[in-house]
Amino acid sequence: MPLFTLVYAKSRNESVRVGFSVSKRIGNAVQRNRAKRRMRAALTPMVPHIFGGFNVIFVAKPDVLEAPFAELGKQMETLLRRAGLWRDEA
């Protein structure tokens, strides 16, 4: 089951900007902040692999809190590769 939806757009900057969206369907404020922290931690090692010049937003689905941490990173990388934003050399 997918844990995220990826939304991206071309940016005027050469750098990559990443954001996380977690709705109230995920839970209360504590759970939403926990979800954002987990997403941020999973994505941090991947940032050098993302092509610059894009704004990227990961929209969390309700299962993001129960999913194993390794699965978060795996699905993020899959979405980035599918969107054509992943480069193999860092």
Protein backbone atom coordinates (compact mmCIF):
# COMPACT_ATOMS: atom_id res chain seq x y z
CA MET A 1 0.00 0.00 0.00
CA PRO A 2 1.43 3.42 -0.88
CA LEU A 3 2.55 5.57 2.02
CA PHE A 4 2.95 8.81 0.08
CA THR A 5 1.90 10.82 -2.90
CA LEU A 6 4.62 12.82 -4.64
CA VAL A 7 3.93 16.29 -5.99
CA TYR A 8 6.69 18.22 -7.75
CA ALA A 9 7.15 21.29 -9.86
CA LYS A 10 9.98 23.01 -11.68
CA SER A 11 11.58 25.76 -9.62
CA ARG A 12 13.45 28.93 -10.49
CA ASN A 13 16.23 27.96 -8.09
CA GLU A 14 18.97 25.47 -8.90
CA SER A 15 18.58 23.79 -5.53
CA VAL A 16 15.97 21.26 -4.51
CA ARG A 17 13.34 22.22 -1.94
CA VAL A 18 11.47 19.49 -0.09
CA GLY A 19 8.26 19.75 1.91
CA PHE A 20 6.03 17.34 3.78
CA SER A 21 2.25 17.52 4.05
CA VAL A 22 0.46 15.59 6.77
CA SER A 23 -3.29 16.10 7.10
CA LYS A 24 -5.44 15.77 10.20
CA ARG A 25 -6.58 12.37 8.95
CA ILE A 26 -3.23 11.02 10.17
CA GLY A 27 -4.00 11.86 13.80
CA ASN A 28 -3.50 14.52 16.42
CA ALA A 29 -0.64 17.06 16.39
CA VAL A 30 1.78 14.69 18.12
CA GLN A 31 1.21 11.97 15.52
CA ARG A 32 1.43 14.41 12.60
CA ASN A 33 4.72 15.81 13.87
CA ARG A 34 6.05 12.28 14.40
CA ALA A 35 5.11 11.41 10.83
CA LYS A 36 6.92 14.51 9.51
CA ARG A 37 10.03 13.71 11.58
CA ARG A 38 10.09 10.13 10.26
CA MET A 39 9.64 11.32 6.68
CA ARG A 40 12.37 13.94 7.04
CA ALA A 41 14.80 11.41 8.57
CA ALA A 42 14.13 8.90 5.79
CA LEU A 43 14.67 11.47 3.04
CA THR A 44 17.76 13.26 4.38
CA PRO A 45 20.33 10.75 3.01
CA MET A 46 18.62 10.85 -0.40
CA VAL A 47 18.69 14.62 -0.97
CA PRO A 48 22.02 14.59 -2.90
CA HIS A 49 20.42 12.14 -5.36
CA ILE A 50 17.50 14.44 -6.25
CA PHE A 51 17.92 16.61 -9.33
CA GLY A 52 18.15 20.31 -8.51
CA GLY A 53 15.68 22.87 -9.75
CA PHE A 54 12.56 21.23 -8.35
CA ASN A 55 10.16 21.76 -5.48
CA VAL A 56 9.16 18.37 -4.09
CA ILE A 57 6.30 17.66 -1.67
CA PHE A 58 5.56 14.30 -0.08
CA VAL A 59 1.91 13.97 1.00
CA ALA A 60 1.51 11.36 3.75
CA LYS A 61 -1.13 8.64 3.69
CA PRO A 62 -2.65 7.27 6.93
CA ASP A 63 -0.41 4.17 7.10
CA VAL A 64 2.79 6.21 7.36
CA LEU A 65 2.90 5.93 11.17
CA GLU A 66 2.75 2.12 11.30
CA ALA A 67 5.10 1.43 8.40
CA PRO A 68 8.66 0.25 9.10
CA PHE A 69 11.24 3.00 8.76
CA ALA A 70 13.09 1.20 5.93
CA GLU A 71 9.86 1.07 3.93
CA LEU A 72 9.53 4.87 4.09
CA GLY A 73 12.88 5.39 2.38
CA LYS A 74 12.25 2.63 -0.13
CA GLN A 75 8.93 4.10 -1.26
CA MET A 76 10.34 7.64 -1.37
CA GLU A 77 13.15 6.50 -3.64
CA THR A 78 10.70 4.59 -5.84
CA LEU A 79 8.48 7.67 -6.26
CA LEU A 80 11.47 9.89 -7.06
CA ARG A 81 12.77 7.41 -9.64
CA ARG A 82 9.33 7.06 -11.24
CA ALA A 83 9.05 10.87 -11.50
CA GLY A 84 12.48 11.11 -13.14
CA LEU A 85 13.93 13.19 -10.31
CA TRP A 86 16.52 10.63 -9.17
CA ARG A 87 20.13 10.66 -10.31
CA ASP A 88 22.36 7.71 -9.50
CA GLU A 89 25.55 9.69 -8.95
CA ALA A 90 25.50 11.88 -5.84
